[in-house]
Amino acid sequence: MVATTEHLMTCGFRVTYGYTQSDEISLLFHLGEDSFGRKLRKLNSILAGEASAKFSLGLGDIGAFDCRICQLPSKSKVVDYFRWRNEDANRNALNAHTYWLLRKKGLNKTQATEALDGKSTGEKNELLFRESGLNFNEFPSWQKRGVALYWANETKKGFNPITQQEESAERRVIKTDYDLPIKDEYSTFIRDTILAQASE
């Protein structure tokens, strides 16, 4: 999923930010992105095709993605959107771990789903710990909160054969962040770091 997200950021569109969790990828386009005249149907079909192809090649089997575009009218809505996806990642991860724990204990699909229905986050955490000894709070951040990819400047040293001297050059690279901040700190990160890049 990380490799697929990176591919979508480098396959010809001006993508400022990529975020992946569970089976989802969210992209933030640069304000100046104008491929295909911003025709939604064209963007949806190309992005779904690119994601499906890249993921399938990496997996060695067929994987298919759909795509939808949310046109958000303000920066605060962009922050809210990515905050929502980040919070949803945490819920999805906890639900998946408890569901598959119950399946491994012998419950079928319906029984596992019904056993978790109406349970609070605290109850699911307790179930996971009581039945398997796993503390959800100690899981790696990327498993609970997803992974972010964004552009950053990197200084690279090299040797100039013409001047016979070591020189430094800056280049833009995609940074992959497996340890995202949470809650208000994540909102601040999106607002102050990512949205600033989206309009540069």
N, C-alpha and C. Protein backbone atom coordinates (compact mmCIF):
# COMPACT_ATOMS: atom_id res chain seq x y z
N MET A 1 0.82 -1.20 0.00
CA MET A 1 0.00 0.00 0.00
C MET A 1 0.87 1.26 0.00
N VAL A 2 1.97 1.22 0.73
CA VAL A 2 2.88 2.37 0.73
C VAL A 2 3.48 2.57 -0.66
N ALA A 3 3.92 1.48 -1.29
CA ALA A 3 4.49 1.58 -2.64
C ALA A 3 3.45 2.06 -3.63
N THR A 4 2.22 1.64 -3.49
CA THR A 4 1.14 2.09 -4.38
C THR A 4 0.87 3.57 -4.18
N THR A 5 0.86 4.02 -2.94
CA THR A 5 0.65 5.43 -2.64
C THR A 5 1.77 6.27 -3.25
N GLU A 6 3.01 5.81 -3.09
CA GLU A 6 4.14 6.55 -3.67
C GLU A 6 4.02 6.60 -5.19
N HIS A 7 3.60 5.50 -5.79
CA HIS A 7 3.42 5.49 -7.25
C HIS A 7 2.40 6.54 -7.68
N LEU A 8 1.29 6.64 -6.96
CA LEU A 8 0.26 7.62 -7.31
C LEU A 8 0.77 9.05 -7.16
N MET A 9 1.75 9.25 -6.29
CA MET A 9 2.31 10.58 -6.10
C MET A 9 3.34 10.94 -7.17
N THR A 10 3.76 9.94 -7.96
CA THR A 10 4.83 10.19 -8.93
C THR A 10 4.46 9.76 -10.35
N CYS A 11 3.20 9.44 -10.59
CA CYS A 11 2.81 8.93 -11.92
C CYS A 11 2.32 10.02 -12.86
N GLY A 12 2.55 11.28 -12.51
CA GLY A 12 2.21 12.35 -13.44
C GLY A 12 1.30 13.42 -12.87
N PHE A 13 0.76 13.21 -11.69
CA PHE A 13 -0.10 14.21 -11.06
C PHE A 13 0.69 14.97 -10.00
N ARG A 14 0.28 16.20 -9.71
CA ARG A 14 0.91 16.98 -8.64
C ARG A 14 0.19 16.66 -7.33
N VAL A 15 0.70 15.64 -6.65
CA VAL A 15 0.11 15.21 -5.38
C VAL A 15 1.02 15.68 -4.26
N THR A 16 0.45 16.42 -3.33
CA THR A 16 1.21 16.97 -2.21
C THR A 16 1.34 15.99 -1.06
N TYR A 17 0.30 15.19 -0.84
CA TYR A 17 0.25 14.34 0.35
C TYR A 17 -0.46 13.04 0.01
N GLY A 18 0.09 11.95 0.50
CA GLY A 18 -0.55 10.65 0.37
C GLY A 18 -0.66 10.02 1.75
N TYR A 19 -1.79 9.41 2.00
CA TYR A 19 -2.04 8.78 3.30
C TYR A 19 -2.68 7.43 3.04
N THR A 20 -2.17 6.39 3.69
CA THR A 20 -2.76 5.07 3.52
C THR A 20 -2.99 4.40 4.86
N GLN A 21 -4.13 3.74 4.95
CA GLN A 21 -4.48 2.94 6.13
C GLN A 21 -5.43 1.86 5.66
N SER A 22 -5.33 0.69 6.27
CA SER A 22 -6.17 -0.44 5.91
C SER A 22 -6.07 -0.67 4.39
N ASP A 23 -7.20 -0.64 3.69
CA ASP A 23 -7.18 -0.85 2.24
C ASP A 23 -7.47 0.44 1.49
N GLU A 24 -7.21 1.58 2.13
CA GLU A 24 -7.53 2.88 1.56
C GLU A 24 -6.29 3.73 1.31
N ILE A 25 -6.39 4.57 0.29
CA ILE A 25 -5.37 5.58 0.00
C ILE A 25 -6.10 6.91 -0.18
N SER A 26 -5.63 7.94 0.48
CA SER A 26 -6.16 9.29 0.30
C SER A 26 -5.04 10.18 -0.23
N LEU A 27 -5.35 10.98 -1.22
CA LEU A 27 -4.37 11.88 -1.83
C LEU A 27 -4.85 13.32 -1.74
N LEU A 28 -3.92 14.23 -1.54
CA LEU A 28 -4.22 15.66 -1.59
C LEU A 28 -3.50 16.24 -2.80
N PHE A 29 -4.28 16.72 -3.75
CA PHE A 29 -3.70 17.32 -4.94
C PHE A 29 -3.25 18.75 -4.67
N HIS A 30 -2.21 19.16 -5.35
CA HIS A 30 -1.77 20.55 -5.32
C HIS A 30 -2.87 21.42 -5.92
N LEU A 31 -3.02 22.62 -5.39
CA LEU A 31 -4.06 23.53 -5.90
C LEU A 31 -3.91 23.79 -7.40
N GLY A 32 -2.69 23.74 -7.90
CA GLY A 32 -2.45 24.02 -9.30
C GLY A 32 -2.58 22.81 -10.22
N GLU A 33 -2.90 21.64 -9.68
CA GLU A 33 -3.05 20.44 -10.50
C GLU A 33 -4.20 20.62 -11.49
N ASP A 34 -3.92 20.42 -12.78
CA ASP A 34 -4.95 20.64 -13.79
C ASP A 34 -4.97 19.56 -14.86
N SER A 35 -4.47 18.36 -14.55
CA SER A 35 -4.47 17.28 -15.53
C SER A 35 -5.89 16.98 -16.00
N PHE A 36 -6.03 16.74 -17.28
CA PHE A 36 -7.31 16.40 -17.89
C PHE A 36 -8.39 17.44 -17.58
N GLY A 37 -7.95 18.69 -17.40
CA GLY A 37 -8.91 19.76 -17.11
C GLY A 37 -9.70 19.51 -15.84
N ARG A 38 -9.14 18.72 -14.94
CA ARG A 38 -9.77 18.37 -13.67
C ARG A 38 -11.11 17.64 -13.85
N LYS A 39 -11.24 16.93 -14.95
CA LYS A 39 -12.47 16.16 -15.19
C LYS A 39 -12.50 14.97 -14.22
N LEU A 40 -13.51 14.94 -13.38
CA LEU A 40 -13.56 13.94 -12.31
C LEU A 40 -13.61 12.52 -12.84
N ARG A 41 -14.41 12.25 -13.86
CA ARG A 41 -14.51 10.88 -14.37
C ARG A 41 -13.16 10.40 -14.90
N LYS A 42 -12.43 11.29 -15.56
CA LYS A 42 -11.12 10.92 -16.10
C LYS A 42 -10.14 10.65 -14.95
N LEU A 43 -10.10 11.55 -13.98
CA LEU A 43 -9.19 11.37 -12.84
C LEU A 43 -9.53 10.09 -12.06
N ASN A 44 -10.82 9.85 -11.83
CA ASN A 44 -11.22 8.65 -11.11
C ASN A 44 -10.76 7.39 -11.82
N SER A 45 -10.97 7.32 -13.14
CA SER A 45 -10.62 6.10 -13.87
C SER A 45 -9.11 5.91 -13.94
N ILE A 46 -8.36 6.97 -14.16
CA ILE A 46 -6.90 6.83 -14.26
C ILE A 46 -6.29 6.47 -12.91
N LEU A 47 -6.71 7.14 -11.85
CA LEU A 47 -6.14 6.84 -10.52
C LEU A 47 -6.49 5.42 -10.09
N ALA A 48 -7.72 4.97 -10.33
CA ALA A 48 -8.09 3.59 -9.97
C ALA A 48 -7.26 2.60 -10.78
N GLY A 49 -7.05 2.89 -12.05
CA GLY A 49 -6.25 2.00 -12.90
C GLY A 49 -4.80 1.95 -12.47
N GLU A 50 -4.21 3.11 -12.19
CA GLU A 50 -2.81 3.17 -11.75
C GLU A 50 -2.63 2.42 -10.43
N ALA A 51 -3.54 2.65 -9.48
CA ALA A 51 -3.44 1.98 -8.18
C ALA A 51 -3.59 0.47 -8.34
N SER A 52 -4.55 0.05 -9.12
CA SER A 52 -4.79 -1.39 -9.32
C SER A 52 -3.58 -2.06 -9.96
N ALA A 53 -3.00 -1.41 -10.97
CA ALA A 53 -1.85 -1.99 -11.67
C ALA A 53 -0.64 -2.09 -10.75
N LYS A 54 -0.31 -1.01 -10.05
CA LYS A 54 0.87 -1.01 -9.18
C LYS A 54 0.72 -2.02 -8.04
N PHE A 55 -0.45 -2.04 -7.42
CA PHE A 55 -0.68 -2.95 -6.30
C PHE A 55 -0.61 -4.41 -6.78
N SER A 56 -1.21 -4.69 -7.92
CA SER A 56 -1.21 -6.06 -8.46
C SER A 56 0.19 -6.54 -8.77
N LEU A 57 1.00 -5.66 -9.36
CA LEU A 57 2.39 -6.02 -9.65
C LEU A 57 3.16 -6.33 -8.37
N GLY A 58 2.96 -5.51 -7.35
CA GLY A 58 3.66 -5.73 -6.08
C GLY A 58 3.18 -6.97 -5.36
N LEU A 59 1.89 -7.24 -5.42
CA LEU A 59 1.30 -8.38 -4.73
C LEU A 59 1.57 -9.70 -5.46
N GLY A 60 1.71 -9.60 -6.78
CA GLY A 60 1.86 -10.82 -7.57
C GLY A 60 0.53 -11.52 -7.80
N ASP A 61 -0.55 -10.79 -7.59
CA ASP A 61 -1.90 -11.30 -7.81
C ASP A 61 -2.77 -10.09 -8.13
N ILE A 62 -4.02 -10.34 -8.45
CA ILE A 62 -4.89 -9.23 -8.86
C ILE A 62 -5.43 -8.49 -7.65
N GLY A 63 -5.32 -7.17 -7.69
CA GLY A 63 -5.94 -6.29 -6.71
C GLY A 63 -6.62 -5.17 -7.47
N ALA A 64 -7.84 -4.82 -7.09
CA ALA A 64 -8.58 -3.79 -7.81
C ALA A 64 -9.02 -2.68 -6.86
N PHE A 65 -8.83 -1.44 -7.30
CA PHE A 65 -9.21 -0.27 -6.53
C PHE A 65 -10.34 0.47 -7.24
N ASP A 66 -11.20 1.08 -6.46
CA ASP A 66 -12.12 2.07 -7.01
C ASP A 66 -11.59 3.44 -6.59
N CYS A 67 -12.25 4.49 -7.02
CA CYS A 67 -11.75 5.83 -6.71
C CYS A 67 -12.93 6.80 -6.62
N ARG A 68 -12.80 7.74 -5.72
CA ARG A 68 -13.76 8.85 -5.67
C ARG A 68 -13.00 10.10 -5.27
N ILE A 69 -13.48 11.22 -5.73
CA ILE A 69 -12.83 12.49 -5.44
C ILE A 69 -13.76 13.35 -4.60
N CYS A 70 -13.22 13.86 -3.49
CA CYS A 70 -13.95 14.79 -2.63
C CYS A 70 -13.41 16.19 -2.89
N GLN A 71 -14.26 17.06 -3.36
CA GLN A 71 -13.85 18.45 -3.58
C GLN A 71 -14.16 19.23 -2.31
N LEU A 72 -13.14 19.53 -1.56
CA LEU A 72 -13.33 20.17 -0.26
C LEU A 72 -13.18 21.69 -0.41
N PRO A 73 -14.14 22.46 0.12
CA PRO A 73 -14.20 23.89 -0.17
C PRO A 73 -13.28 24.78 0.67
N SER A 74 -12.62 24.23 1.68
CA SER A 74 -11.78 25.07 2.53
C SER A 74 -10.65 24.25 3.13
N LYS A 75 -9.64 24.96 3.61
CA LYS A 75 -8.50 24.28 4.25
C LYS A 75 -8.95 23.54 5.50
N SER A 76 -9.89 24.12 6.24
CA SER A 76 -10.34 23.46 7.46
C SER A 76 -11.03 22.13 7.14
N LYS A 77 -11.72 22.06 5.99
CA LYS A 77 -12.35 20.80 5.58
C LYS A 77 -11.30 19.75 5.20
N VAL A 78 -10.19 20.20 4.62
CA VAL A 78 -9.09 19.28 4.29
C VAL A 78 -8.50 18.71 5.58
N VAL A 79 -8.28 19.58 6.55
CA VAL A 79 -7.77 19.12 7.85
C VAL A 79 -8.74 18.13 8.47
N ASP A 80 -10.04 18.47 8.46
CA ASP A 80 -11.05 17.58 9.03
C ASP A 80 -11.06 16.23 8.32
N TYR A 81 -10.93 16.24 6.99
CA TYR A 81 -10.95 14.99 6.23
C TYR A 81 -9.81 14.07 6.65
N PHE A 82 -8.58 14.60 6.66
CA PHE A 82 -7.45 13.74 7.01
C PHE A 82 -7.46 13.35 8.48
N ARG A 83 -7.97 14.20 9.33
CA ARG A 83 -8.13 13.84 10.75
C ARG A 83 -9.13 12.68 10.88
N TRP A 84 -10.21 12.74 10.12
CA TRP A 84 -11.23 11.68 10.12
C TRP A 84 -10.63 10.36 9.66
N ARG A 85 -9.83 10.38 8.58
CA ARG A 85 -9.23 9.15 8.09
C ARG A 85 -8.25 8.58 9.11
N ASN A 86 -7.50 9.46 9.79
CA ASN A 86 -6.54 9.04 10.80
C ASN A 86 -7.24 8.39 12.00
N GLU A 87 -8.34 8.99 12.43
CA GLU A 87 -9.11 8.42 13.54
C GLU A 87 -9.76 7.10 13.12
N ASP A 88 -10.24 7.05 11.87
CA ASP A 88 -10.86 5.83 11.36
C ASP A 88 -9.85 4.69 11.29
N ALA A 89 -8.61 5.02 10.99
CA ALA A 89 -7.56 3.99 10.93
C ALA A 89 -7.45 3.29 12.28
N ASN A 90 -7.48 4.05 13.34
CA ASN A 90 -7.37 3.48 14.68
C ASN A 90 -8.54 2.53 14.97
N ARG A 91 -9.75 2.97 14.64
CA ARG A 91 -10.93 2.12 14.84
C ARG A 91 -10.83 0.85 13.99
N ASN A 92 -10.44 1.02 12.71
CA ASN A 92 -10.33 -0.14 11.82
C ASN A 92 -9.32 -1.16 12.34
N ALA A 93 -8.19 -0.67 12.81
CA ALA A 93 -7.13 -1.56 13.29
C ALA A 93 -7.60 -2.35 14.51
N LEU A 94 -8.20 -1.67 15.45
CA LEU A 94 -8.68 -2.35 16.66
C LEU A 94 -9.77 -3.36 16.30
N ASN A 95 -10.70 -2.96 15.44
CA ASN A 95 -11.77 -3.87 15.02
C ASN A 95 -11.19 -5.11 14.33
N ALA A 96 -10.23 -4.90 13.44
CA ALA A 96 -9.65 -6.02 12.71
C ALA A 96 -8.93 -6.98 13.65
N HIS A 97 -8.15 -6.46 14.57
CA HIS A 97 -7.42 -7.33 15.50
C HIS A 97 -8.37 -8.13 16.38
N THR A 98 -9.42 -7.49 16.89
CA THR A 98 -10.35 -8.23 17.75
C THR A 98 -11.17 -9.22 16.93
N TYR A 99 -11.58 -8.83 15.74
CA TYR A 99 -12.37 -9.73 14.89
C TYR A 99 -11.58 -11.00 14.56
N TRP A 100 -10.32 -10.82 14.11
CA TRP A 100 -9.54 -11.99 13.72
C TRP A 100 -9.09 -12.82 14.92
N LEU A 101 -8.98 -12.20 16.07
CA LEU A 101 -8.72 -12.97 17.29
C LEU A 101 -9.89 -13.92 17.56
N LEU A 102 -11.11 -13.39 17.45
CA LEU A 102 -12.28 -14.23 17.67
C LEU A 102 -12.42 -15.31 16.62
N ARG A 103 -12.06 -15.00 15.37
CA ARG A 103 -12.11 -16.01 14.32
C ARG A 103 -11.11 -17.14 14.61
N LYS A 104 -9.91 -16.77 15.06
CA LYS A 104 -8.91 -17.79 15.39
C LYS A 104 -9.34 -18.64 16.58
N LYS A 105 -10.20 -18.07 17.42
CA LYS A 105 -10.70 -18.82 18.59
C LYS A 105 -11.86 -19.74 18.20
N GLY A 106 -12.24 -19.74 16.91
CA GLY A 106 -13.26 -20.69 16.45
C GLY A 106 -14.60 -20.09 16.08
N LEU A 107 -14.79 -18.79 16.28
CA LEU A 107 -16.06 -18.19 15.90
C LEU A 107 -16.13 -18.03 14.38
N ASN A 108 -17.32 -18.18 13.82
CA ASN A 108 -17.47 -17.94 12.38
C ASN A 108 -17.68 -16.44 12.14
N LYS A 109 -17.84 -16.04 10.89
CA LYS A 109 -17.97 -14.61 10.54
C LYS A 109 -19.10 -13.94 11.31
N THR A 110 -20.25 -14.57 11.29
CA THR A 110 -21.43 -13.98 11.94
C THR A 110 -21.24 -13.89 13.45
N GLN A 111 -20.73 -14.94 14.04
CA GLN A 111 -20.54 -14.96 15.49
C GLN A 111 -19.52 -13.90 15.94
N ALA A 112 -18.41 -13.77 15.19
CA ALA A 112 -17.39 -12.78 15.54
C ALA A 112 -17.94 -11.37 15.41
N THR A 113 -18.69 -11.13 14.33
CA THR A 113 -19.29 -9.80 14.12
C THR A 113 -20.28 -9.48 15.24
N GLU A 114 -21.13 -10.43 15.58
CA GLU A 114 -22.12 -10.20 16.63
C GLU A 114 -21.47 -10.02 18.00
N ALA A 115 -20.38 -10.73 18.24
CA ALA A 115 -19.69 -10.62 19.54
C ALA A 115 -19.10 -9.22 19.74
N LEU A 116 -18.74 -8.56 18.65
CA LEU A 116 -18.15 -7.22 18.75
C LEU A 116 -19.18 -6.10 18.63
N ASP A 117 -20.37 -6.42 18.15
CA ASP A 117 -21.39 -5.41 17.94
C ASP A 117 -21.74 -4.70 19.25
N GLY A 118 -21.65 -3.38 19.21
CA GLY A 118 -22.00 -2.57 20.39
C GLY A 118 -20.91 -2.45 21.43
N LYS A 119 -19.78 -3.12 21.22
CA LYS A 119 -18.68 -3.03 22.20
C LYS A 119 -17.95 -1.69 22.04
N SER A 120 -17.58 -1.10 23.15
CA SER A 120 -16.84 0.16 23.13
C SER A 120 -15.37 -0.10 22.81
N THR A 121 -14.66 0.97 22.54
CA THR A 121 -13.22 0.86 22.29
C THR A 121 -12.52 0.23 23.48
N GLY A 122 -12.88 0.66 24.68
CA GLY A 122 -12.27 0.10 25.89
C GLY A 122 -12.54 -1.39 26.03
N GLU A 123 -13.76 -1.80 25.71
CA GLU A 123 -14.11 -3.22 25.81
C GLU A 123 -13.33 -4.05 24.78
N LYS A 124 -13.14 -3.50 23.60
CA LYS A 124 -12.38 -4.22 22.57
C LYS A 124 -10.90 -4.32 22.97
N ASN A 125 -10.37 -3.25 23.54
CA ASN A 125 -8.99 -3.28 24.04
C ASN A 125 -8.84 -4.36 25.12
N GLU A 126 -9.81 -4.41 26.02
CA GLU A 126 -9.78 -5.38 27.12
C GLU A 126 -9.90 -6.81 26.58
N LEU A 127 -10.76 -7.01 25.60
CA LEU A 127 -10.93 -8.33 24.99
C LEU A 127 -9.63 -8.79 24.35
N LEU A 128 -8.99 -7.90 23.64
CA LEU A 128 -7.73 -8.24 22.97
C LEU A 128 -6.66 -8.61 23.99
N PHE A 129 -6.60 -7.85 25.08
CA PHE A 129 -5.58 -8.12 26.11
C PHE A 129 -5.91 -9.40 26.87
N ARG A 130 -7.16 -9.57 27.25
CA ARG A 130 -7.57 -10.72 28.05
C ARG A 130 -7.41 -12.03 27.27
N GLU A 131 -7.76 -12.02 26.00
CA GLU A 131 -7.76 -13.26 25.21
C GLU A 131 -6.43 -13.58 24.56
N SER A 132 -5.56 -12.56 24.38
CA SER A 132 -4.30 -12.84 23.67
C SER A 132 -3.07 -12.24 24.34
N GLY A 133 -3.28 -11.42 25.37
CA GLY A 133 -2.15 -10.76 26.03
C GLY A 133 -1.59 -9.60 25.24
N LEU A 134 -2.28 -9.20 24.14
CA LEU A 134 -1.80 -8.08 23.32
C LEU A 134 -2.37 -6.76 23.83
N ASN A 135 -1.48 -5.78 24.00
CA ASN A 135 -1.88 -4.44 24.41
C ASN A 135 -1.91 -3.57 23.16
N PHE A 136 -3.11 -3.20 22.72
CA PHE A 136 -3.26 -2.43 21.48
C PHE A 136 -2.48 -1.13 21.52
N ASN A 137 -2.36 -0.52 22.69
CA ASN A 137 -1.63 0.74 22.82
C ASN A 137 -0.14 0.59 22.52
N GLU A 138 0.37 -0.63 22.60
CA GLU A 138 1.80 -0.86 22.34
C GLU A 138 2.08 -1.27 20.89
N PHE A 139 1.05 -1.37 20.05
CA PHE A 139 1.26 -1.71 18.65
C PHE A 139 2.00 -0.57 17.97
N PRO A 140 2.75 -0.85 16.91
CA PRO A 140 3.42 0.23 16.17
C PRO A 140 2.41 1.26 15.67
N SER A 141 2.82 2.50 15.69
CA SER A 141 1.94 3.60 15.30
C SER A 141 1.33 3.39 13.92
N TRP A 142 2.13 2.92 12.96
CA TRP A 142 1.62 2.79 11.58
C TRP A 142 0.49 1.78 11.50
N GLN A 143 0.49 0.77 12.37
CA GLN A 143 -0.59 -0.21 12.36
C GLN A 143 -1.89 0.40 12.88
N LYS A 144 -1.77 1.36 13.77
CA LYS A 144 -2.96 1.97 14.36
C LYS A 144 -3.40 3.24 13.64
N ARG A 145 -2.44 3.99 13.09
CA ARG A 145 -2.74 5.33 12.58
C ARG A 145 -2.45 5.54 11.10
N GLY A 146 -1.95 4.52 10.43
CA GLY A 146 -1.68 4.67 9.01
C GLY A 146 -0.29 5.23 8.74
N VAL A 147 -0.03 5.45 7.46
CA VAL A 147 1.28 5.91 6.99
C VAL A 147 1.08 7.12 6.09
N ALA A 148 1.93 8.12 6.26
CA ALA A 148 1.86 9.33 5.45
C ALA A 148 3.07 9.43 4.53
N LEU A 149 2.84 9.96 3.34
CA LEU A 149 3.93 10.23 2.40
C LEU A 149 3.80 11.68 1.94
N TYR A 150 4.91 12.40 2.00
CA TYR A 150 4.89 13.80 1.59
C TYR A 150 6.27 14.21 1.12
N TRP A 151 6.29 15.31 0.39
CA TRP A 151 7.54 15.78 -0.20
C TRP A 151 8.38 16.54 0.82
N ALA A 152 9.68 16.30 0.78
CA ALA A 152 10.62 17.01 1.66
C ALA A 152 11.91 17.26 0.89
N ASN A 153 12.64 18.26 1.31
CA ASN A 153 13.94 18.55 0.70
C ASN A 153 15.01 17.72 1.39
N GLU A 154 15.90 17.17 0.58
CA GLU A 154 16.99 16.36 1.11
C GLU A 154 18.30 16.86 0.51
N THR A 155 19.30 16.99 1.36
CA THR A 155 20.62 17.40 0.89
C THR A 155 21.44 16.16 0.61
N LYS A 156 21.99 16.10 -0.59
CA LYS A 156 22.80 14.94 -0.98
C LYS A 156 24.19 15.41 -1.35
N LYS A 157 25.20 14.73 -0.82
CA LYS A 157 26.58 15.06 -1.14
C LYS A 157 27.06 14.20 -2.29
N GLY A 158 27.84 14.80 -3.14
CA GLY A 158 28.38 14.08 -4.28
C GLY A 158 29.73 14.66 -4.68
N PHE A 159 30.35 13.99 -5.60
CA PHE A 159 31.66 14.43 -6.07
C PHE A 159 31.52 14.98 -7.48
N ASN A 160 31.97 16.22 -7.67
CA ASN A 160 31.94 16.86 -8.98
C ASN A 160 33.24 16.55 -9.71
N PRO A 161 33.19 15.74 -10.78
CA PRO A 161 34.42 15.36 -11.48
C PRO A 161 35.08 16.52 -12.23
N ILE A 162 34.30 17.56 -12.51
CA ILE A 162 34.87 18.71 -13.24
C ILE A 162 35.70 19.57 -12.30
N THR A 163 35.13 19.88 -11.13
CA THR A 163 35.87 20.72 -10.17
C THR A 163 36.75 19.89 -9.24
N GLN A 164 36.57 18.57 -9.27
CA GLN A 164 37.30 17.67 -8.39
C GLN A 164 37.05 17.98 -6.91
N GLN A 165 35.81 18.41 -6.61
CA GLN A 165 35.45 18.75 -5.23
C GLN A 165 34.12 18.09 -4.85
N GLU A 166 33.99 17.90 -3.54
CA GLU A 166 32.71 17.40 -3.03
C GLU A 166 31.73 18.57 -3.00
N GLU A 167 30.50 18.33 -3.45
CA GLU A 167 29.49 19.37 -3.48
C GLU A 167 28.18 18.82 -2.92
N SER A 168 27.35 19.73 -2.48
CA SER A 168 26.03 19.35 -1.97
C SER A 168 24.96 19.87 -2.91
N ALA A 169 23.90 19.12 -3.05
CA ALA A 169 22.77 19.53 -3.86
C ALA A 169 21.48 19.16 -3.13
N GLU A 170 20.48 20.00 -3.29
CA GLU A 170 19.18 19.71 -2.69
C GLU A 170 18.27 19.11 -3.73
N ARG A 171 17.49 18.13 -3.30
CA ARG A 171 16.49 17.56 -4.19
C ARG A 171 15.24 17.24 -3.39
N ARG A 172 14.12 17.17 -4.10
CA ARG A 172 12.85 16.84 -3.45
C ARG A 172 12.66 15.34 -3.49
N VAL A 173 12.35 14.78 -2.34
CA VAL A 173 12.12 13.34 -2.23
C VAL A 173 10.82 13.11 -1.46
N ILE A 174 10.29 11.93 -1.61
CA ILE A 174 9.10 11.59 -0.84
C ILE A 174 9.55 11.00 0.50
N LYS A 175 9.06 11.60 1.55
CA LYS A 175 9.34 11.11 2.90
C LYS A 175 8.17 10.21 3.32
N THR A 176 8.50 9.05 3.84
CA THR A 176 7.49 8.12 4.34
C THR A 176 7.51 8.16 5.85
N ASP A 177 6.39 8.51 6.46
CA ASP A 177 6.30 8.70 7.90
C ASP A 177 5.42 7.60 8.51
N TYR A 178 6.07 6.70 9.26
CA TYR A 178 5.36 5.59 9.90
C TYR A 178 4.94 5.92 11.34
N ASP A 179 5.25 7.10 11.80
CA ASP A 179 4.97 7.45 13.20
C ASP A 179 4.30 8.83 13.24
N LEU A 180 3.05 8.88 12.83
CA LEU A 180 2.33 10.14 12.74
C LEU A 180 1.88 10.63 14.11
N PRO A 181 1.80 11.95 14.26
CA PRO A 181 1.19 12.48 15.48
C PRO A 181 -0.29 12.13 15.50
N ILE A 182 -0.93 12.30 16.63
CA ILE A 182 -2.35 11.97 16.75
C ILE A 182 -3.16 13.18 17.16
N LYS A 183 -4.45 13.10 16.93
CA LYS A 183 -5.45 14.07 17.35
C LYS A 183 -5.09 15.48 16.91
N ASP A 184 -5.04 16.44 17.86
CA ASP A 184 -4.80 17.84 17.48
C ASP A 184 -3.42 18.05 16.86
N GLU A 185 -2.45 17.27 17.29
CA GLU A 185 -1.11 17.40 16.70
C GLU A 185 -1.12 16.99 15.23
N TYR A 186 -1.91 15.98 14.90
CA TYR A 186 -2.03 15.56 13.49
C TYR A 186 -2.72 16.66 12.68
N SER A 187 -3.77 17.26 13.23
CA SER A 187 -4.44 18.36 12.55
C SER A 187 -3.47 19.51 12.29
N THR A 188 -2.66 19.82 13.28
CA THR A 188 -1.66 20.89 13.12
C THR A 188 -0.66 20.54 12.03
N PHE A 189 -0.21 19.30 11.99
CA PHE A 189 0.71 18.84 10.96
C PHE A 189 0.11 19.02 9.57
N ILE A 190 -1.14 18.62 9.39
CA ILE A 190 -1.80 18.78 8.09
C ILE A 190 -1.92 20.25 7.74
N ARG A 191 -2.38 21.05 8.68
CA ARG A 191 -2.62 22.48 8.42
C ARG A 191 -1.32 23.24 8.15
N ASP A 192 -0.31 23.04 9.00
CA ASP A 192 0.89 23.89 8.92
C ASP A 192 1.94 23.36 7.97
N THR A 193 2.01 22.07 7.76
CA THR A 193 3.05 21.49 6.89
C THR A 193 2.50 21.13 5.52
N ILE A 194 1.46 20.34 5.49
CA ILE A 194 0.97 19.80 4.22
C ILE A 194 0.23 20.86 3.41
N LEU A 195 -0.69 21.59 4.02
CA LEU A 195 -1.45 22.58 3.27
C LEU A 195 -0.56 23.72 2.77
N ALA A 196 0.50 24.01 3.49
CA ALA A 196 1.45 25.03 3.02
C ALA A 196 2.08 24.60 1.71
N GLN A 197 2.42 23.30 1.59
CA GLN A 197 3.01 22.77 0.35
C GLN A 197 2.00 22.72 -0.78
N ALA A 198 0.74 22.50 -0.46
CA ALA A 198 -0.30 22.33 -1.48
C ALA A 198 -0.57 23.59 -2.27
N SER A 199 -0.18 24.73 -1.71
CA SER A 199 -0.45 25.98 -2.41
C SER A 199 0.82 26.71 -2.84
N GLU A 200 1.99 26.09 -2.62
CA GLU A 200 3.26 26.73 -3.01
C GLU A 200 3.38 26.78 -4.53
